[in-house]
Amino acid sequence: MYPSGVWRGYWEQAGYGRQPMTDFLLRFANGEVEGCGRDIVGRFLFTGTYDSNGNVTLVKQYLGRHQVIYRGRYDGEGTIHGIWSIEPFWQGTFALSPVWDRDVTTQPIDEICG
């Protein structure tokens, strides 16, 4: 359902608009997700879970900063849509889509993300 490899997407926040996350890495295996990337806030790591019904929960941990929870669902066409939150204060929508498949199943995330 979800290819491991390079993804891109965005998150939206009232007052700040749509913020891109370009070319970040996600790896899906055995119901778990891990990855890394960068956006306007800074570098981040993703950890989380997914299930066979298309549900995904991710924790986006900005290095040295705050966490953001992403809860979404596969749309059947390749994209994960949902709501991000920094509870109890903020939330907004997001979308994540694969760019291309790349074999990232054997390398540790810290080696890939450097």
PDB file of N, CA and C in Angstrom:
ATOM      1  N   MET A   1       0.820  -1.195   0.000  1.00  0.00           N
ATOM      2  CA  MET A   1       0.000   0.000   0.000  1.00  0.00           C
ATOM      3  C   MET A   1       0.866   1.262   0.000  1.00  0.00           C
ATOM      4  N   TYR A   2       1.849   1.317   0.885  1.00  0.00           N
ATOM      5  CA  TYR A   2       2.724   2.483   0.961  1.00  0.00           C
ATOM      6  C   TYR A   2       4.124   2.100   0.516  1.00  0.00           C
ATOM      7  N   PRO A   3       4.660   2.774  -0.490  1.00  0.00           N
ATOM      8  CA  PRO A   3       6.032   2.478  -0.904  1.00  0.00           C
ATOM      9  C   PRO A   3       7.049   3.181  -0.011  1.00  0.00           C
ATOM     10  N   SER A   4       8.082   2.469   0.348  1.00  0.00           N
ATOM     11  CA  SER A   4       9.204   3.103   1.036  1.00  0.00           C
ATOM     12  C   SER A   4      10.009   3.870   0.010  1.00  0.00           C
ATOM     13  N   GLY A   5      10.489   5.035   0.392  1.00  0.00           N
ATOM     14  CA  GLY A   5      11.283   5.846  -0.515  1.00  0.00           C
ATOM     15  C   GLY A   5      11.074   7.320  -0.276  1.00  0.00           C
ATOM     16  N   VAL A   6      11.222   8.095  -1.321  1.00  0.00           N
ATOM     17  CA  VAL A   6      11.124   9.549  -1.237  1.00  0.00           C
ATOM     18  C   VAL A   6       9.662   9.969  -1.380  1.00  0.00           C
ATOM     19  N   TRP A   7       9.247  10.837  -0.482  1.00  0.00           N
ATOM     20  CA  TRP A   7       7.890  11.395  -0.475  1.00  0.00           C
ATOM     21  C   TRP A   7       7.991  12.916  -0.466  1.00  0.00           C
ATOM     22  N   ARG A   8       6.884  13.575  -0.751  1.00  0.00           N
ATOM     23  CA  ARG A   8       6.777  15.014  -0.531  1.00  0.00           C
ATOM     24  C   ARG A   8       5.348  15.314  -0.107  1.00  0.00           C
ATOM     25  N   GLY A   9       5.161  16.480   0.444  1.00  0.00           N
ATOM     26  CA  GLY A   9       3.831  16.824   0.924  1.00  0.00           C
ATOM     27  C   GLY A   9       3.791  18.239   1.445  1.00  0.00           C
ATOM     28  N   TYR A  10       2.730  18.496   2.212  1.00  0.00           N
ATOM     29  CA  TYR A  10       2.562  19.819   2.791  1.00  0.00           C
ATOM     30  C   TYR A  10       1.742  19.705   4.067  1.00  0.00           C
ATOM     31  N   TRP A  11       1.846  20.740   4.890  1.00  0.00           N
ATOM     32  CA  TRP A  11       0.953  20.934   6.025  1.00  0.00           C
ATOM     33  C   TRP A  11       0.445  22.359   5.944  1.00  0.00           C
ATOM     34  N   GLU A  12      -0.773  22.572   6.441  1.00  0.00           N
ATOM     35  CA  GLU A  12      -1.373  23.900   6.418  1.00  0.00           C
ATOM     36  C   GLU A  12      -1.691  24.343   7.831  1.00  0.00           C
ATOM     37  N   GLN A  13      -1.492  25.650   8.079  1.00  0.00           N
ATOM     38  CA  GLN A  13      -1.799  26.218   9.381  1.00  0.00           C
ATOM     39  C   GLN A  13      -2.396  27.602   9.172  1.00  0.00           C
ATOM     40  N   ALA A  14      -3.476  27.868   9.884  1.00  0.00           N
ATOM     41  CA  ALA A  14      -4.121  29.184   9.799  1.00  0.00           C
ATOM     42  C   ALA A  14      -3.100  30.271  10.084  1.00  0.00           C
ATOM     43  N   GLY A  15      -3.084  31.280   9.252  1.00  0.00           N
ATOM     44  CA  GLY A  15      -2.157  32.393   9.423  1.00  0.00           C
ATOM     45  C   GLY A  15      -0.814  32.200   8.747  1.00  0.00           C
ATOM     46  N   TYR A  16      -0.450  30.935   8.467  1.00  0.00           N
ATOM     47  CA  TYR A  16       0.838  30.645   7.834  1.00  0.00           C
ATOM     48  C   TYR A  16       0.676  30.023   6.450  1.00  0.00           C
ATOM     49  N   GLY A  17      -0.512  29.538   6.155  1.00  0.00           N
ATOM     50  CA  GLY A  17      -0.778  28.954   4.846  1.00  0.00           C
ATOM     51  C   GLY A  17      -0.195  27.562   4.681  1.00  0.00           C
ATOM     52  N   ARG A  18      -0.022  27.180   3.432  1.00  0.00           N
ATOM     53  CA  ARG A  18       0.501  25.858   3.079  1.00  0.00           C
ATOM     54  C   ARG A  18       2.021  25.873   3.106  1.00  0.00           C
ATOM     55  N   GLN A  19       2.603  24.929   3.850  1.00  0.00           N
ATOM     56  CA  GLN A  19       4.049  24.832   3.982  1.00  0.00           C
ATOM     57  C   GLN A  19       4.527  23.502   3.400  1.00  0.00           C
ATOM     58  N   PRO A  20       5.427  23.537   2.430  1.00  0.00           N
ATOM     59  CA  PRO A  20       5.870  22.297   1.785  1.00  0.00           C
ATOM     60  C   PRO A  20       6.874  21.501   2.618  1.00  0.00           C
ATOM     61  N   MET A  21       6.806  20.196   2.448  1.00  0.00           N
ATOM     62  CA  MET A  21       7.847  19.269   2.912  1.00  0.00           C
ATOM     63  C   MET A  21       8.302  18.573   1.632  1.00  0.00           C
ATOM     64  N   THR A  22       9.466  18.896   1.154  1.00  0.00           N
ATOM     65  CA  THR A  22       9.903  18.337  -0.122  1.00  0.00           C
ATOM     66  C   THR A  22      10.962  17.262   0.087  1.00  0.00           C
ATOM     67  N   ASP A  23      10.827  16.213  -0.698  1.00  0.00           N
ATOM     68  CA  ASP A  23      11.813  15.144  -0.771  1.00  0.00           C
ATOM     69  C   ASP A  23      12.308  14.662   0.591  1.00  0.00           C
ATOM     70  N   PHE A  24      11.378  14.120   1.372  1.00  0.00           N
ATOM     71  CA  PHE A  24      11.745  13.494   2.631  1.00  0.00           C
ATOM     72  C   PHE A  24      11.593  11.983   2.484  1.00  0.00           C
ATOM     73  N   LEU A  25      12.177  11.255   3.392  1.00  0.00           N
ATOM     74  CA  LEU A  25      12.215   9.799   3.307  1.00  0.00           C
ATOM     75  C   LEU A  25      11.224   9.171   4.272  1.00  0.00           C
ATOM     76  N   LEU A  26      10.466   8.178   3.799  1.00  0.00           N
ATOM     77  CA  LEU A  26       9.636   7.350   4.661  1.00  0.00           C
ATOM     78  C   LEU A  26       9.907   5.888   4.348  1.00  0.00           C
ATOM     79  N   ARG A  27       9.990   5.082   5.391  1.00  0.00           N
ATOM     80  CA  ARG A  27      10.166   3.633   5.233  1.00  0.00           C
ATOM     81  C   ARG A  27       9.026   2.940   5.991  1.00  0.00           C
ATOM     82  N   PHE A  28       8.303   2.071   5.275  1.00  0.00           N
ATOM     83  CA  PHE A  28       7.175   1.322   5.810  1.00  0.00           C
ATOM     84  C   PHE A  28       7.543  -0.157   5.868  1.00  0.00           C
ATOM     85  N   ALA A  29       7.399  -0.783   7.049  1.00  0.00           N
ATOM     86  CA  ALA A  29       7.690  -2.212   7.187  1.00  0.00           C
ATOM     87  C   ALA A  29       7.010  -2.756   8.444  1.00  0.00           C
ATOM     88  N   ASN A  30       6.280  -3.844   8.267  1.00  0.00           N
ATOM     89  CA  ASN A  30       5.688  -4.556   9.405  1.00  0.00           C
ATOM     90  C   ASN A  30       4.845  -3.668  10.304  1.00  0.00           C
ATOM     91  N   GLY A  31       4.071  -2.769   9.721  1.00  0.00           N
ATOM     92  CA  GLY A  31       3.182  -1.912  10.493  1.00  0.00           C
ATOM     93  C   GLY A  31       3.845  -0.703  11.132  1.00  0.00           C
ATOM     94  N   GLU A  32       5.138  -0.502  10.877  1.00  0.00           N
ATOM     95  CA  GLU A  32       5.851   0.634  11.457  1.00  0.00           C
ATOM     96  C   GLU A  32       6.391   1.551  10.365  1.00  0.00           C
ATOM     97  N   VAL A  33       6.513   2.813  10.702  1.00  0.00           N
ATOM     98  CA  VAL A  33       7.022   3.835   9.783  1.00  0.00           C
ATOM     99  C   VAL A  33       8.170   4.559  10.457  1.00  0.00           C
ATOM    100  N   GLU A  34       9.200   4.870   9.686  1.00  0.00           N
ATOM    101  CA  GLU A  34      10.261   5.753  10.156  1.00  0.00           C
ATOM    102  C   GLU A  34      10.741   6.571   8.969  1.00  0.00           C
ATOM    103  N   GLY A  35      11.288   7.727   9.267  1.00  0.00           N
ATOM    104  CA  GLY A  35      11.762   8.577   8.184  1.00  0.00           C
ATOM    105  C   GLY A  35      12.403   9.842   8.703  1.00  0.00           C
ATOM    106  N   CYS A  36      12.748  10.723   7.762  1.00  0.00           N
ATOM    107  CA  CYS A  36      13.411  11.967   8.110  1.00  0.00           C
ATOM    108  C   CYS A  36      13.260  12.965   6.980  1.00  0.00           C
ATOM    109  N   GLY A  37      13.463  14.231   7.306  1.00  0.00           N
ATOM    110  CA  GLY A  37      13.371  15.267   6.291  1.00  0.00           C
ATOM    111  C   GLY A  37      13.604  16.638   6.874  1.00  0.00           C
ATOM    112  N   ARG A  38      13.158  17.646   6.121  1.00  0.00           N
ATOM    113  CA  ARG A  38      13.337  19.044   6.512  1.00  0.00           C
ATOM    114  C   ARG A  38      12.175  19.843   5.928  1.00  0.00           C
ATOM    115  N   ASP A  39      11.743  20.854   6.676  1.00  0.00           N
ATOM    116  CA  ASP A  39      10.779  21.812   6.152  1.00  0.00           C
ATOM    117  C   ASP A  39      11.121  23.193   6.712  1.00  0.00           C
ATOM    118  N   ILE A  40      10.218  24.137   6.605  1.00  0.00           N
ATOM    119  CA  ILE A  40      10.494  25.509   7.018  1.00  0.00           C
ATOM    120  C   ILE A  40      10.840  25.626   8.509  1.00  0.00           C
ATOM    121  N   VAL A  41      10.338  24.698   9.325  1.00  0.00           N
ATOM    122  CA  VAL A  41      10.620  24.728  10.761  1.00  0.00           C
ATOM    123  C   VAL A  41      12.012  24.184  11.058  1.00  0.00           C
ATOM    124  N   GLY A  42      12.449  23.165  10.298  1.00  0.00           N
ATOM    125  CA  GLY A  42      13.763  22.578  10.502  1.00  0.00           C
ATOM    126  C   GLY A  42      13.801  21.099  10.175  1.00  0.00           C
ATOM    127  N   ARG A  43      14.890  20.445  10.587  1.00  0.00           N
ATOM    128  CA  ARG A  43      15.053  19.001  10.360  1.00  0.00           C
ATOM    129  C   ARG A  43      14.136  18.242  11.304  1.00  0.00           C
ATOM    130  N   PHE A  44      13.648  17.076  10.819  1.00  0.00           N
ATOM    131  CA  PHE A  44      12.748  16.269  11.633  1.00  0.00           C
ATOM    132  C   PHE A  44      12.951  14.790  11.375  1.00  0.00           C
ATOM    133  N   LEU A  45      12.485  13.997  12.336  1.00  0.00           N
ATOM    134  CA  LEU A  45      12.397  12.548  12.208  1.00  0.00           C
ATOM    135  C   LEU A  45      10.932  12.167  12.307  1.00  0.00           C
ATOM    136  N   PHE A  46      10.538  11.153  11.537  1.00  0.00           N
ATOM    137  CA  PHE A  46       9.196  10.590  11.627  1.00  0.00           C
ATOM    138  C   PHE A  46       9.287   9.202  12.239  1.00  0.00           C
ATOM    139  N   THR A  47       8.380   8.868  13.146  1.00  0.00           N
ATOM    140  CA  THR A  47       8.167   7.506  13.620  1.00  0.00           C
ATOM    141  C   THR A  47       6.658   7.304  13.680  1.00  0.00           C
ATOM    142  N   GLY A  48       6.226   6.060  13.560  1.00  0.00           N
ATOM    143  CA  GLY A  48       4.790   5.846  13.642  1.00  0.00           C
ATOM    144  C   GLY A  48       4.362   4.459  13.248  1.00  0.00           C
ATOM    145  N   THR A  49       3.055   4.344  12.964  1.00  0.00           N
ATOM    146  CA  THR A  49       2.452   3.061  12.618  1.00  0.00           C
ATOM    147  C   THR A  49       1.486   3.230  11.451  1.00  0.00           C
ATOM    148  N   TYR A  50       1.204   2.104  10.799  1.00  0.00           N
ATOM    149  CA  TYR A  50       0.166   2.059   9.759  1.00  0.00           C
ATOM    150  C   TYR A  50      -0.516   0.712   9.848  1.00  0.00           C
ATOM    151  N   ASP A  51      -1.734   0.621   9.271  1.00  0.00           N
ATOM    152  CA  ASP A  51      -2.448  -0.654   9.283  1.00  0.00           C
ATOM    153  C   ASP A  51      -2.984  -0.985   7.898  1.00  0.00           C
ATOM    154  N   SER A  52      -3.550  -2.167   7.761  1.00  0.00           N
ATOM    155  CA  SER A  52      -4.033  -2.643   6.453  1.00  0.00           C
ATOM    156  C   SER A  52      -5.294  -1.924   5.991  1.00  0.00           C
ATOM    157  N   ASN A  53      -5.925  -1.132   6.856  1.00  0.00           N
ATOM    158  CA  ASN A  53      -7.103  -0.347   6.480  1.00  0.00           C
ATOM    159  C   ASN A  53      -6.737   1.028   5.929  1.00  0.00           C
ATOM    160  N   GLY A  54      -5.444   1.341   5.886  1.00  0.00           N
ATOM    161  CA  GLY A  54      -5.002   2.616   5.336  1.00  0.00           C
ATOM    162  C   GLY A  54      -4.783   3.714   6.357  1.00  0.00           C
ATOM    163  N   ASN A  55      -4.920   3.412   7.635  1.00  0.00           N
ATOM    164  CA  ASN A  55      -4.703   4.408   8.686  1.00  0.00           C
ATOM    165  C   ASN A  55      -3.217   4.559   8.992  1.00  0.00           C
ATOM    166  N   VAL A  56      -2.787   5.805   9.167  1.00  0.00           N
ATOM    167  CA  VAL A  56      -1.399   6.103   9.477  1.00  0.00           C
ATOM    168  C   VAL A  56      -1.362   7.099  10.633  1.00  0.00           C
ATOM    169  N   THR A  57      -0.501   6.832  11.610  1.00  0.00           N
ATOM    170  CA  THR A  57      -0.234   7.779  12.693  1.00  0.00           C
ATOM    171  C   THR A  57       1.272   7.993  12.740  1.00  0.00           C
ATOM    172  N   LEU A  58       1.675   9.255  12.631  1.00  0.00           N
ATOM    173  CA  LEU A  58       3.093   9.605  12.635  1.00  0.00           C
ATOM    174  C   LEU A  58       3.379  10.632  13.718  1.00  0.00           C
ATOM    175  N   VAL A  59       4.541  10.509  14.330  1.00  0.00           N
ATOM    176  CA  VAL A  59       5.052  11.543  15.226  1.00  0.00           C
ATOM    177  C   VAL A  59       6.220  12.205  14.495  1.00  0.00           C
ATOM    178  N   LYS A  60       6.081  13.475  14.252  1.00  0.00           N
ATOM    179  CA  LYS A  60       7.131  14.255  13.596  1.00  0.00           C
ATOM    180  C   LYS A  60       7.879  14.993  14.693  1.00  0.00           C
ATOM    181  N   GLN A  61       9.117  14.586  14.937  1.00  0.00           N
ATOM    182  CA  GLN A  61       9.926  15.188  15.986  1.00  0.00           C
ATOM    183  C   GLN A  61      10.950  16.120  15.356  1.00  0.00           C
ATOM    184  N   TYR A  62      10.766  17.416  15.558  1.00  0.00           N
ATOM    185  CA  TYR A  62      11.769  18.368  15.095  1.00  0.00           C
ATOM    186  C   TYR A  62      12.981  18.258  16.007  1.00  0.00           C
ATOM    187  N   LEU A  63      14.167  18.181  15.420  1.00  0.00           N
ATOM    188  CA  LEU A  63      15.382  18.008  16.200  1.00  0.00           C
ATOM    189  C   LEU A  63      15.592  19.202  17.129  1.00  0.00           C
ATOM    190  N   GLY A  64      15.637  18.922  18.436  1.00  0.00           N
ATOM    191  CA  GLY A  64      15.823  19.959  19.428  1.00  0.00           C
ATOM    192  C   GLY A  64      14.612  20.839  19.653  1.00  0.00           C
ATOM    193  N   ARG A  65      13.459  20.425  19.141  1.00  0.00           N
ATOM    194  CA  ARG A  65      12.264  21.267  19.232  1.00  0.00           C
ATOM    195  C   ARG A  65      11.048  20.431  19.599  1.00  0.00           C
ATOM    196  N   HIS A  66       9.894  20.807  19.114  1.00  0.00           N
ATOM    197  CA  HIS A  66       8.613  20.208  19.467  1.00  0.00           C
ATOM    198  C   HIS A  66       8.238  19.016  18.586  1.00  0.00           C
ATOM    199  N   GLN A  67       7.162  18.323  18.995  1.00  0.00           N
ATOM    200  CA  GLN A  67       6.589  17.209  18.236  1.00  0.00           C
ATOM    201  C   GLN A  67       5.273  17.632  17.608  1.00  0.00           C
ATOM    202  N   VAL A  68       4.962  16.976  16.486  1.00  0.00           N
ATOM    203  CA  VAL A  68       3.680  17.163  15.825  1.00  0.00           C
ATOM    204  C   VAL A  68       3.116  15.776  15.538  1.00  0.00           C
ATOM    205  N   ILE A  69       1.833  15.569  15.846  1.00  0.00           N
ATOM    206  CA  ILE A  69       1.174  14.295  15.574  1.00  0.00           C
ATOM    207  C   ILE A  69       0.418  14.408  14.254  1.00  0.00           C
ATOM    208  N   TYR A  70       0.645  13.445  13.370  1.00  0.00           N
ATOM    209  CA  TYR A  70      -0.048  13.365  12.082  1.00  0.00           C
ATOM    210  C   TYR A  70      -0.934  12.123  12.102  1.00  0.00           C
ATOM    211  N   ARG A  71      -2.233  12.314  11.887  1.00  0.00           N
ATOM    212  CA  ARG A  71      -3.166  11.194  11.783  1.00  0.00           C
ATOM    213  C   ARG A  71      -3.853  11.290  10.437  1.00  0.00           C
ATOM    214  N   GLY A  72      -3.669  10.254   9.607  1.00  0.00           N
ATOM    215  CA  GLY A  72      -4.217  10.313   8.267  1.00  0.00           C
ATOM    216  C   GLY A  72      -4.666   8.969   7.758  1.00  0.00           C
ATOM    217  N   ARG A  73      -5.116   9.003   6.514  1.00  0.00           N
ATOM    218  CA  ARG A  73      -5.648   7.807   5.874  1.00  0.00           C
ATOM    219  C   ARG A  73      -5.289   7.826   4.394  1.00  0.00           C
ATOM    220  N   TYR A  74      -4.972   6.665   3.885  1.00  0.00           N
ATOM    221  CA  TYR A  74      -4.671   6.466   2.468  1.00  0.00           C
ATOM    222  C   TYR A  74      -5.924   6.734   1.643  1.00  0.00           C
ATOM    223  N   ASP A  75      -5.782   7.463   0.545  1.00  0.00           N
ATOM    224  CA  ASP A  75      -6.944   7.816  -0.279  1.00  0.00           C
ATOM    225  C   ASP A  75      -7.217   6.833  -1.414  1.00  0.00           C
ATOM    226  N   GLY A  76      -6.428   5.763  -1.528  1.00  0.00           N
ATOM    227  CA  GLY A  76      -6.629   4.785  -2.591  1.00  0.00           C
ATOM    228  C   GLY A  76      -5.904   5.124  -3.880  1.00  0.00           C
ATOM    229  N   GLU A  77      -5.335   6.318  -3.953  1.00  0.00           N
ATOM    230  CA  GLU A  77      -4.636   6.751  -5.162  1.00  0.00           C
ATOM    231  C   GLU A  77      -3.184   7.124  -4.889  1.00  0.00           C
ATOM    232  N   GLY A  78      -2.693   6.828  -3.688  1.00  0.00           N
ATOM    233  CA  GLY A  78      -1.287   7.063  -3.398  1.00  0.00           C
ATOM    234  C   GLY A  78      -0.985   8.123  -2.372  1.00  0.00           C
ATOM    235  N   THR A  79      -1.983   8.903  -1.971  1.00  0.00           N
ATOM    236  CA  THR A  79      -1.739  10.009  -1.052  1.00  0.00           C
ATOM    237  C   THR A  79      -2.341   9.715   0.317  1.00  0.00           C
ATOM    238  N   ILE A  80      -1.664  10.179   1.349  1.00  0.00           N
ATOM    239  CA  ILE A  80      -2.170  10.121   2.716  1.00  0.00           C
ATOM    240  C   ILE A  80      -2.659  11.523   3.062  1.00  0.00           C
ATOM    241  N   HIS A  81      -3.943  11.643   3.409  1.00  0.00           N
ATOM    242  CA  HIS A  81      -4.546  12.913   3.820  1.00  0.00           C
ATOM    243  C   HIS A  81      -4.927  12.827   5.285  1.00  0.00           C
ATOM    244  N   GLY A  82      -4.834  13.943   6.010  1.00  0.00           N
ATOM    245  CA  GLY A  82      -5.256  13.909   7.396  1.00  0.00           C
ATOM    246  C   GLY A  82      -5.099  15.227   8.110  1.00  0.00           C
ATOM    247  N   ILE A  83      -5.027  15.102   9.440  1.00  0.00           N
ATOM    248  CA  ILE A  83      -4.936  16.250  10.332  1.00  0.00           C
ATOM    249  C   ILE A  83      -3.657  16.133  11.156  1.00  0.00           C
ATOM    250  N   TRP A  84      -2.898  17.208  11.225  1.00  0.00           N
ATOM    251  CA  TRP A  84      -1.755  17.277  12.138  1.00  0.00           C
ATOM    252  C   TRP A  84      -2.205  18.056  13.366  1.00  0.00           C
ATOM    253  N   SER A  85      -1.539  17.815  14.504  1.00  0.00           N
ATOM    254  CA  SER A  85      -1.886  18.564  15.706  1.00  0.00           C
ATOM    255  C   SER A  85      -0.686  18.719  16.632  1.00  0.00           C
ATOM    256  N   ILE A  86      -0.670  19.855  17.290  1.00  0.00           N
ATOM    257  CA  ILE A  86       0.203  20.111  18.427  1.00  0.00           C
ATOM    258  C   ILE A  86      -0.790  20.416  19.548  1.00  0.00           C
ATOM    259  N   GLU A  87      -1.170  19.379  20.256  1.00  0.00           N
ATOM    260  CA  GLU A  87      -2.270  19.507  21.214  1.00  0.00           C
ATOM    261  C   GLU A  87      -1.825  20.239  22.466  1.00  0.00           C
ATOM    262  N   PRO A  88      -2.683  21.027  23.051  1.00  0.00           N
ATOM    263  CA  PRO A  88      -4.071  21.284  22.665  1.00  0.00           C
ATOM    264  C   PRO A  88      -4.231  22.565  21.842  1.00  0.00           C
ATOM    265  N   PHE A  89      -3.131  23.070  21.301  1.00  0.00           N
ATOM    266  CA  PHE A  89      -3.141  24.414  20.737  1.00  0.00           C
ATOM    267  C   PHE A  89      -3.482  24.523  19.252  1.00  0.00           C
ATOM    268  N   TRP A  90      -2.819  23.754  18.413  1.00  0.00           N
ATOM    269  CA  TRP A  90      -2.937  23.969  16.977  1.00  0.00           C
ATOM    270  C   TRP A  90      -3.238  22.676  16.238  1.00  0.00           C
ATOM    271  N   GLN A  91      -3.843  22.845  15.062  1.00  0.00           N
ATOM    272  CA  GLN A  91      -4.036  21.728  14.148  1.00  0.00           C
ATOM    273  C   GLN A  91      -4.302  22.271  12.752  1.00  0.00           C
ATOM    274  N   GLY A  92      -4.172  21.379  11.779  1.00  0.00           N
ATOM    275  CA  GLY A  92      -4.423  21.750  10.392  1.00  0.00           C
ATOM    276  C   GLY A  92      -4.403  20.502   9.528  1.00  0.00           C
ATOM    277  N   THR A  93      -4.547  20.696   8.247  1.00  0.00           N
ATOM    278  CA  THR A  93      -4.568  19.562   7.327  1.00  0.00           C
ATOM    279  C   THR A  93      -3.165  19.293   6.776  1.00  0.00           C
ATOM    280  N   PHE A  94      -2.998  18.077   6.240  1.00  0.00           N
ATOM    281  CA  PHE A  94      -1.754  17.717   5.573  1.00  0.00           C
ATOM    282  C   PHE A  94      -2.051  16.718   4.476  1.00  0.00           C
ATOM    283  N   ALA A  95      -1.098  16.569   3.564  1.00  0.00           N
ATOM    284  CA  ALA A  95      -1.129  15.541   2.528  1.00  0.00           C
ATOM    285  C   ALA A  95       0.301  15.107   2.241  1.00  0.00           C
ATOM    286  N   LEU A  96       0.501  13.794   2.093  1.00  0.00           N
ATOM    287  CA  LEU A  96       1.814  13.217   1.793  1.00  0.00           C
ATOM    288  C   LEU A  96       1.660  12.274   0.604  1.00  0.00           C
ATOM    289  N   SER A  97       2.582  12.366  -0.365  1.00  0.00           N
ATOM    290  CA  SER A  97       2.534  11.527  -1.563  1.00  0.00           C
ATOM    291  C   SER A  97       3.916  11.012  -1.920  1.00  0.00           C
ATOM    292  N   PRO A  98       3.995   9.762  -2.394  1.00  0.00           N
ATOM    293  CA  PRO A  98       5.302   9.233  -2.813  1.00  0.00           C
ATOM    294  C   PRO A  98       5.776   9.911  -4.088  1.00  0.00           C
ATOM    295  N   VAL A  99       7.091  10.105  -4.175  1.00  0.00           N
ATOM    296  CA  VAL A  99       7.700  10.663  -5.372  1.00  0.00           C
ATOM    297  C   VAL A  99       8.225   9.536  -6.248  1.00  0.00           C
ATOM    298  N   TRP A 100       9.000   8.639  -5.645  1.00  0.00           N
ATOM    299  CA  TRP A 100       9.500   7.462  -6.352  1.00  0.00           C
ATOM    300  C   TRP A 100       9.968   6.440  -5.338  1.00  0.00           C
ATOM    301  N   ASP A 101       9.948   5.185  -5.768  1.00  0.00           N
ATOM    302  CA  ASP A 101      10.398   4.097  -4.902  1.00  0.00           C
ATOM    303  C   ASP A 101      11.919   4.030  -4.887  1.00  0.00           C
ATOM    304  N   ARG A 102      12.454   3.712  -3.738  1.00  0.00           N
ATOM    305  CA  ARG A 102      13.888   3.515  -3.599  1.00  0.00           C
ATOM    306  C   ARG A 102      14.076   2.474  -2.502  1.00  0.00           C
ATOM    307  N   ASP A 103      14.975   1.536  -2.709  1.00  0.00           N
ATOM    308  CA  ASP A 103      15.189   0.504  -1.713  1.00  0.00           C
ATOM    309  C   ASP A 103      15.874   1.111  -0.503  1.00  0.00           C
ATOM    310  N   VAL A 104      15.074   1.334   0.544  1.00  0.00           N
ATOM    311  CA  VAL A 104      15.605   1.907   1.776  1.00  0.00           C
ATOM    312  C   VAL A 104      15.357   0.952   2.941  1.00  0.00           C
ATOM    313  N   THR A 105      15.128  -0.305   2.632  1.00  0.00           N
ATOM    314  CA  THR A 105      14.756  -1.258   3.671  1.00  0.00           C
ATOM    315  C   THR A 105      15.922  -1.755   4.487  1.00  0.00           C
ATOM    316  N   THR A 106      17.146  -1.652   3.992  1.00  0.00           N
ATOM    317  CA  THR A 106      18.273  -2.240   4.703  1.00  0.00           C
ATOM    318  C   THR A 106      19.194  -1.225   5.374  1.00  0.00           C
ATOM    319  N   GLN A 107      19.084   0.037   5.020  1.00  0.00           N
ATOM    320  CA  GLN A 107      19.972   1.049   5.592  1.00  0.00           C
ATOM    321  C   GLN A 107      19.330   1.695   6.819  1.00  0.00           C
ATOM    322  N   PRO A 108      20.099   1.919   7.894  1.00  0.00           N
ATOM    323  CA  PRO A 108      19.575   2.655   9.045  1.00  0.00           C
ATOM    324  C   PRO A 108      19.217   4.091   8.640  1.00  0.00           C
ATOM    325  N   ILE A 109      18.123   4.595   9.196  1.00  0.00           N
ATOM    326  CA  ILE A 109      17.664   5.940   8.863  1.00  0.00           C
ATOM    327  C   ILE A 109      18.746   6.980   9.129  1.00  0.00           C
ATOM    328  N   ASP A 110      19.492   6.845  10.216  1.00  0.00           N
ATOM    329  CA  ASP A 110      20.513   7.867  10.497  1.00  0.00           C
ATOM    330  C   ASP A 110      21.616   7.893   9.448  1.00  0.00           C
ATOM    331  N   GLU A 111      21.879   6.757   8.770  1.00  0.00           N
ATOM    332  CA  GLU A 111      22.861   6.758   7.684  1.00  0.00           C
ATOM    333  C   GLU A 111      22.307   7.421   6.436  1.00  0.00           C
ATOM    334  N   ILE A 112      21.019   7.200   6.158  1.00  0.00           N
ATOM    335  CA  ILE A 112      20.398   7.767   4.971  1.00  0.00           C
ATOM    336  C   ILE A 112      20.259   9.280   5.108  1.00  0.00           C
ATOM    337  N   CYS A 113      19.843   9.720   6.292  1.00  0.00           N
ATOM    338  CA  CYS A 113      19.552  11.147   6.500  1.00  0.00           C
ATOM    339  C   CYS A 113      20.785  11.954   6.846  1.00  0.00           C
ATOM    340  N   GLY A 114      21.815  11.283   7.319  1.00  0.00           N
ATOM    341  CA  GLY A 114      23.063  11.945   7.647  1.00  0.00           C
ATOM    342  C   GLY A 114      22.900  13.039   8.611  1.00  0.00           C
TER     343      GLY A 114
END
